[in-house]
Amino acid sequence: MKLHLLDRSHTTSAVSVRKNSYANFLKIWHYHPELELVVVLKSKGTRFIGDSIKKFQPKDVVLIGKNLPHMWLNDPKYFQDDKTLSAEAISIHFKEDFLGSSFLELPEIKPIVDLFKKAEQGIQFRDVPKSLRQAIVNLHTETEFNKTHIFIGVLHQLAMHEDFKLLSSSGYVASLKLEEPKLSSKVIAYIFKNFNKNMDLNTVAEIVEMNPSAFSRSFKRVHRKTFSKYVNEIRIGYACKLLMENELNVAAIAYESGFNNLSNFNRQFKIIKKMSPTSYLKKHSNYTNYSL
């Protein structure tokens, strides 16, 4: 499935709010440098965000991070000639620094900054109060000043909302950053550069001049998972991206993702994604082959 960059640079507003009403939502696997907050008003279907594939329905509230691939695909009945069905949603596009970079440095804005960090994986907010959903919906009728002012309050309420689910895996999100020229950690930079090659704990520990056992303990304390699990999550996240692009067979994807044999790839994939690579590919294909 080809990934498209959607250019929204022509938008002059700090916060762009649209009420979309169509027979069905845009059938394009896409990304953009803006974050996107979505409230579904009408229709049902399947939501693709990174390597997450979940059903969506009215009242869903989702925040998608910058450059995170996504698509909202309506159920097949919305592509039939039925004038009684429609797909409606409020979508809000904005940059992290929509009020300037110094805005993000204010201590009272830290919860919103943390929210943006979580949004790198995509966030679904559950049991959102009707008053907050309505405030988001009403933004498209507000003046530019009021829209920006109210939106800051909306972001703060979402940042404080405790019932949420991160959608895309950390491994998939990490795989999107492989082309970044420099990362802050020498170890993480090395992993990103060499994740699909033979990589052992001893070699990585030498980078930071630590003995392997001390490095292993330190890595687990900082990242809350073992070194091997961290690497495997990145490898499987990258494999999901290759599976969704549908240009290589499963065996080739296993090799490209850093696994020396197919059985280990299948085993690790099932541990992390709770299904086999072929099941993941079939699930994805079943949702998209009639529309793309």
Protein backbone atom coordinates (compact mmCIF):
# COMPACT_ATOMS: atom_id res chain seq x y z
CA MET A 1 0.00 0.00 0.00
CA LYS A 2 1.64 3.25 -1.13
CA LEU A 3 2.18 5.88 1.55
CA HIS A 4 1.30 9.48 0.62
CA LEU A 5 2.49 12.76 2.12
CA LEU A 6 -0.42 15.20 2.38
CA ASP A 7 0.76 18.79 2.05
CA ARG A 8 -1.18 21.15 4.32
CA SER A 9 1.35 24.01 4.16
CA HIS A 10 -1.22 26.23 2.44
CA THR A 11 -3.17 26.47 5.70
CA THR A 12 -2.62 29.86 7.32
CA SER A 13 -4.39 29.23 10.66
CA ALA A 14 -2.42 28.09 13.70
CA VAL A 15 -5.19 25.57 14.32
CA SER A 16 -7.02 24.24 11.25
CA VAL A 17 -10.49 22.87 12.04
CA ARG A 18 -12.67 21.12 9.47
CA LYS A 19 -15.98 19.36 9.62
CA ASN A 20 -15.76 16.60 7.03
CA SER A 21 -18.95 15.16 5.61
CA TYR A 22 -18.70 12.67 2.76
CA ALA A 23 -20.20 9.44 1.54
CA ASN A 24 -17.03 7.81 2.94
CA PHE A 25 -13.70 8.91 4.38
CA LEU A 26 -10.49 9.41 2.40
CA LYS A 27 -9.15 6.02 1.27
CA ILE A 28 -5.48 6.96 1.32
CA TRP A 29 -2.71 5.66 3.58
CA HIS A 30 -1.06 8.98 4.39
CA TYR A 31 0.92 11.12 6.82
CA HIS A 32 1.65 14.80 7.43
CA PRO A 33 3.92 16.88 9.69
CA GLU A 34 0.95 18.19 11.67
CA LEU A 35 -0.66 16.43 14.61
CA GLU A 36 -4.32 15.56 14.04
CA LEU A 37 -7.18 15.39 16.54
CA VAL A 38 -10.26 13.54 15.25
CA VAL A 39 -13.77 13.15 16.63
CA VAL A 40 -15.91 10.70 14.64
CA LEU A 41 -19.50 11.91 14.30
CA LYS A 42 -20.99 9.37 11.89
CA SER A 43 -20.05 6.02 10.26
CA LYS A 44 -18.12 2.92 11.22
CA GLY A 45 -15.12 1.14 9.79
CA THR A 46 -11.50 0.24 10.40
CA ARG A 47 -8.85 2.65 11.64
CA PHE A 48 -5.23 2.15 10.60
CA ILE A 49 -2.67 4.07 12.69
CA GLY A 50 0.91 2.87 12.28
CA ASP A 51 0.73 -0.88 12.80
CA SER A 52 -2.54 -0.66 14.77
CA ILE A 53 -5.68 -2.00 13.06
CA LYS A 54 -8.84 -1.33 15.07
CA LYS A 55 -12.54 -0.71 14.47
CA PHE A 56 -13.87 2.85 14.82
CA GLN A 57 -17.34 4.20 15.51
CA PRO A 58 -19.12 7.47 16.38
CA LYS A 59 -17.86 9.33 19.48
CA ASP A 60 -14.32 8.01 19.04
CA VAL A 61 -11.69 10.64 19.94
CA VAL A 62 -8.18 10.04 18.57
CA LEU A 63 -4.98 12.09 18.53
CA ILE A 64 -2.44 11.20 15.82
CA GLY A 65 1.19 12.31 16.10
CA LYS A 66 3.16 14.09 13.41
CA ASN A 67 4.30 11.93 10.47
CA LEU A 68 2.49 8.86 11.80
CA PRO A 69 0.87 7.02 8.85
CA HIS A 70 -2.88 6.56 9.16
CA MET A 71 -6.12 5.90 7.31
CA TRP A 72 -9.83 5.75 8.21
CA LEU A 73 -11.50 3.10 6.06
CA ASN A 74 -15.27 2.83 6.15
CA ASP A 75 -17.10 -0.50 6.06
CA PRO A 76 -17.97 -1.79 2.53
CA LYS A 77 -21.59 -0.60 2.75
CA TYR A 78 -20.38 3.03 2.71
CA PHE A 79 -18.98 2.48 -0.80
CA GLN A 80 -22.32 1.28 -2.15
CA ASP A 81 -25.00 3.49 -3.65
CA ASP A 82 -26.84 4.17 -0.42
CA LYS A 83 -27.72 7.85 0.03
CA THR A 84 -28.82 7.32 3.64
CA LEU A 85 -25.25 6.64 4.81
CA SER A 86 -22.57 9.27 5.36
CA ALA A 87 -19.21 9.64 7.08
CA GLU A 88 -18.69 12.70 9.27
CA ALA A 89 -15.87 13.80 11.53
CA ILE A 90 -14.24 16.85 13.01
CA SER A 91 -10.53 16.96 12.19
CA ILE A 92 -8.09 19.44 13.68
CA HIS A 93 -4.57 19.82 12.28
CA PHE A 94 -1.86 21.75 14.11
CA LYS A 95 1.91 21.88 14.63
CA GLU A 96 3.45 21.19 18.04
CA ASP A 97 4.71 24.78 18.16
CA PHE A 98 1.51 26.36 16.83
CA LEU A 99 1.97 29.16 19.42
CA GLY A 100 5.75 29.31 19.09
CA SER A 101 8.54 27.14 20.47
CA SER A 102 8.83 29.16 23.70
CA PHE A 103 5.20 28.24 24.48
CA LEU A 104 6.26 24.60 24.89
CA GLU A 105 8.89 25.58 27.47
CA LEU A 106 6.36 26.99 29.94
CA PRO A 107 6.08 24.75 33.04
CA GLU A 108 2.28 24.83 33.00
CA ILE A 109 2.31 23.44 29.45
CA LYS A 110 4.28 20.31 30.39
CA PRO A 111 1.17 18.05 30.45
CA ILE A 112 0.44 19.07 26.85
CA VAL A 113 4.07 18.44 25.83
CA ASP A 114 3.79 14.98 27.39
CA LEU A 115 0.56 14.47 25.46
CA PHE A 116 2.33 15.26 22.19
CA LYS A 117 5.01 12.70 23.07
CA LYS A 118 2.39 10.00 23.65
CA ALA A 119 0.70 10.98 20.37
CA GLU A 120 3.76 9.70 18.48
CA GLN A 121 2.10 6.28 18.82
CA GLY A 122 -1.45 7.57 18.33
CA ILE A 123 -3.89 7.85 21.24
CA GLN A 124 -7.50 6.76 21.55
CA PHE A 125 -9.26 8.51 24.43
CA ARG A 126 -11.98 6.39 26.04
CA ASP A 127 -15.12 7.58 27.83
CA VAL A 128 -14.52 11.20 26.88
CA PRO A 129 -17.12 13.44 28.58
CA LYS A 130 -19.83 14.71 26.26
CA SER A 131 -18.98 18.30 27.20
CA LEU A 132 -15.37 17.87 25.99
CA ARG A 133 -16.43 16.17 22.75
CA GLN A 134 -18.92 18.96 22.12
CA ALA A 135 -16.26 21.61 22.77
CA ILE A 136 -14.10 19.99 20.06
CA VAL A 137 -17.03 19.78 17.64
CA ASN A 138 -17.94 23.43 18.21
CA LEU A 139 -14.44 24.66 17.33
CA HIS A 140 -15.23 24.84 13.61
CA THR A 141 -17.80 27.61 14.25
CA GLU A 142 -15.55 29.74 16.47
CA THR A 143 -13.58 32.85 15.47
CA GLU A 144 -9.84 32.39 14.92
CA PHE A 145 -8.95 33.89 18.32
CA ASN A 146 -11.56 31.92 20.27
CA LYS A 147 -10.68 28.74 18.39
CA THR A 148 -7.03 28.93 19.45
CA HIS A 149 -7.89 29.94 23.01
CA ILE A 150 -10.42 27.13 23.48
CA PHE A 151 -8.18 24.57 21.79
CA ILE A 152 -5.45 25.05 24.41
CA GLY A 153 -8.02 24.16 27.04
CA VAL A 154 -9.11 21.12 25.03
CA LEU A 155 -5.52 19.88 24.81
CA HIS A 156 -5.06 20.35 28.56
CA GLN A 157 -8.23 18.37 29.33
CA LEU A 158 -7.09 15.56 27.03
CA ALA A 159 -3.65 15.61 28.66
CA MET A 160 -5.31 15.11 32.06
CA HIS A 161 -7.72 12.43 30.80
CA GLU A 162 -6.58 9.15 32.35
CA ASP A 163 -8.57 6.64 30.28
CA PHE A 164 -6.66 6.24 27.02
CA LYS A 165 -4.91 3.64 24.89
CA LEU A 166 -1.72 4.01 22.87
CA LEU A 167 -2.34 2.56 19.42
CA SER A 168 0.81 1.96 17.37
CA SER A 169 3.66 -0.10 18.81
CA SER A 170 6.82 1.61 20.05
CA GLY A 171 8.78 -0.61 17.65
CA TYR A 172 6.83 0.67 14.65
CA VAL A 173 7.29 4.29 15.72
CA ALA A 174 11.01 3.69 16.21
CA SER A 175 11.23 2.26 12.69
CA LEU A 176 9.89 5.56 11.31
CA LYS A 177 12.90 7.36 12.77
CA LEU A 178 15.55 5.24 11.10
CA GLU A 179 16.37 8.00 8.63
CA GLU A 180 16.93 10.68 11.28
CA PRO A 181 20.57 11.82 11.03
CA LYS A 182 21.31 11.86 14.75
CA LEU A 183 19.68 10.62 17.93
CA SER A 184 20.64 11.66 21.43
CA SER A 185 21.74 8.24 22.66
CA LYS A 186 24.76 6.50 21.17
CA VAL A 187 23.25 3.13 21.99
CA ILE A 188 19.84 3.87 20.45
CA ALA A 189 21.52 5.37 17.39
CA TYR A 190 23.59 2.21 17.01
CA ILE A 191 20.53 -0.03 17.41
CA PHE A 192 18.55 1.95 14.82
CA LYS A 193 21.46 1.74 12.37
CA ASN A 194 22.15 -1.96 12.90
CA PHE A 195 18.85 -3.50 14.06
CA ASN A 196 18.62 -5.70 10.94
CA LYS A 197 22.13 -7.08 11.37
CA ASN A 198 23.65 -9.50 13.86
CA MET A 199 23.80 -7.58 17.12
CA ASP A 200 25.04 -8.86 20.47
CA LEU A 201 24.98 -7.35 23.92
CA ASN A 202 28.78 -7.34 24.28
CA THR A 203 29.32 -5.18 21.20
CA VAL A 204 26.69 -2.63 22.22
CA ALA A 205 28.02 -2.48 25.80
CA GLU A 206 31.46 -1.58 24.45
CA ILE A 207 30.02 1.54 22.82
CA VAL A 208 29.35 3.04 26.24
CA GLU A 209 32.39 1.38 27.86
CA MET A 210 30.38 -0.79 30.24
CA ASN A 211 30.62 -4.47 31.03
CA PRO A 212 27.70 -6.46 29.55
CA SER A 213 25.96 -7.27 32.84
CA ALA A 214 26.05 -3.66 34.07
CA PHE A 215 24.87 -2.42 30.69
CA SER A 216 22.02 -4.94 30.66
CA ARG A 217 20.81 -3.80 34.10
CA SER A 218 21.11 -0.12 33.17
CA PHE A 219 19.29 -0.59 29.86
CA LYS A 220 16.39 -2.41 31.52
CA ARG A 221 16.11 0.24 34.22
CA VAL A 222 15.96 3.11 31.69
CA HIS A 223 13.80 1.45 29.01
CA ARG A 224 11.76 -0.86 31.27
CA LYS A 225 12.48 -3.84 29.04
CA THR A 226 15.47 -6.02 28.20
CA PHE A 227 17.88 -5.13 25.43
CA SER A 228 16.79 -8.13 23.33
CA LYS A 229 13.09 -7.28 23.70
CA TYR A 230 13.75 -3.66 22.69
CA VAL A 231 15.61 -4.77 19.55
CA ASN A 232 12.95 -7.35 18.66
CA GLU A 233 10.17 -4.75 18.99
CA ILE A 234 11.98 -2.48 16.54
CA ARG A 235 12.54 -5.39 14.16
CA ILE A 236 8.88 -6.47 14.31
CA GLY A 237 7.69 -2.87 13.95
CA TYR A 238 9.82 -2.57 10.81
CA ALA A 239 8.46 -5.91 9.59
CA CYS A 240 4.88 -4.62 10.02
CA LYS A 241 5.73 -1.63 7.86
CA LEU A 242 7.13 -3.94 5.15
CA LEU A 243 4.10 -6.22 5.38
CA MET A 244 1.74 -3.27 4.90
CA GLU A 245 3.74 -2.09 1.88
CA ASN A 246 3.18 -5.60 0.44
CA GLU A 247 6.24 -5.63 -1.81
CA LEU A 248 8.17 -8.57 -0.29
CA ASN A 249 7.20 -12.07 0.78
CA VAL A 250 7.26 -13.04 4.45
CA ALA A 251 10.62 -14.84 4.26
CA ALA A 252 12.30 -11.82 2.66
CA ILE A 253 10.72 -9.51 5.25
CA ALA A 254 12.06 -11.72 8.05
CA TYR A 255 15.58 -11.38 6.64
CA GLU A 256 15.24 -7.62 5.97
CA SER A 257 14.07 -7.13 9.57
CA GLY A 258 17.14 -8.80 11.05
CA PHE A 259 16.01 -12.38 11.71
CA ASN A 260 18.29 -15.20 10.59
CA ASN A 261 15.53 -17.78 10.30
CA LEU A 262 11.83 -17.75 9.59
CA SER A 263 10.78 -19.78 12.62
CA ASN A 264 12.31 -17.28 15.06
CA PHE A 265 10.72 -14.41 13.13
CA ASN A 266 7.30 -16.08 13.32
CA ARG A 267 7.76 -16.78 17.03
CA GLN A 268 8.81 -13.22 17.91
CA PHE A 269 6.10 -11.72 15.71
CA LYS A 270 3.43 -13.73 17.50
CA ILE A 271 4.80 -12.77 20.92
CA ILE A 272 4.72 -9.05 20.11
CA LYS A 273 1.68 -8.76 17.80
CA LYS A 274 -0.37 -11.67 19.19
CA MET A 275 -0.78 -13.13 15.70
CA SER A 276 1.38 -14.62 12.94
CA PRO A 277 2.86 -12.47 10.12
CA THR A 278 0.55 -14.15 7.57
CA SER A 279 -2.50 -13.48 9.79
CA TYR A 280 -1.45 -9.85 10.15
CA LEU A 281 -1.01 -9.52 6.39
CA LYS A 282 -4.34 -11.24 5.70
CA LYS A 283 -6.14 -9.04 8.23
CA HIS A 284 -4.67 -5.95 6.64
CA SER A 285 -5.40 -7.11 3.09
CA ASN A 286 -9.00 -8.02 3.89
CA TYR A 287 -9.66 -4.44 4.94
CA THR A 288 -7.89 -2.70 2.08
CA ASN A 289 -7.98 -4.81 -1.09
CA TYR A 290 -11.44 -3.65 -2.14
CA SER A 291 -10.65 0.05 -1.88
CA LEU A 292 -7.05 0.69 -2.87
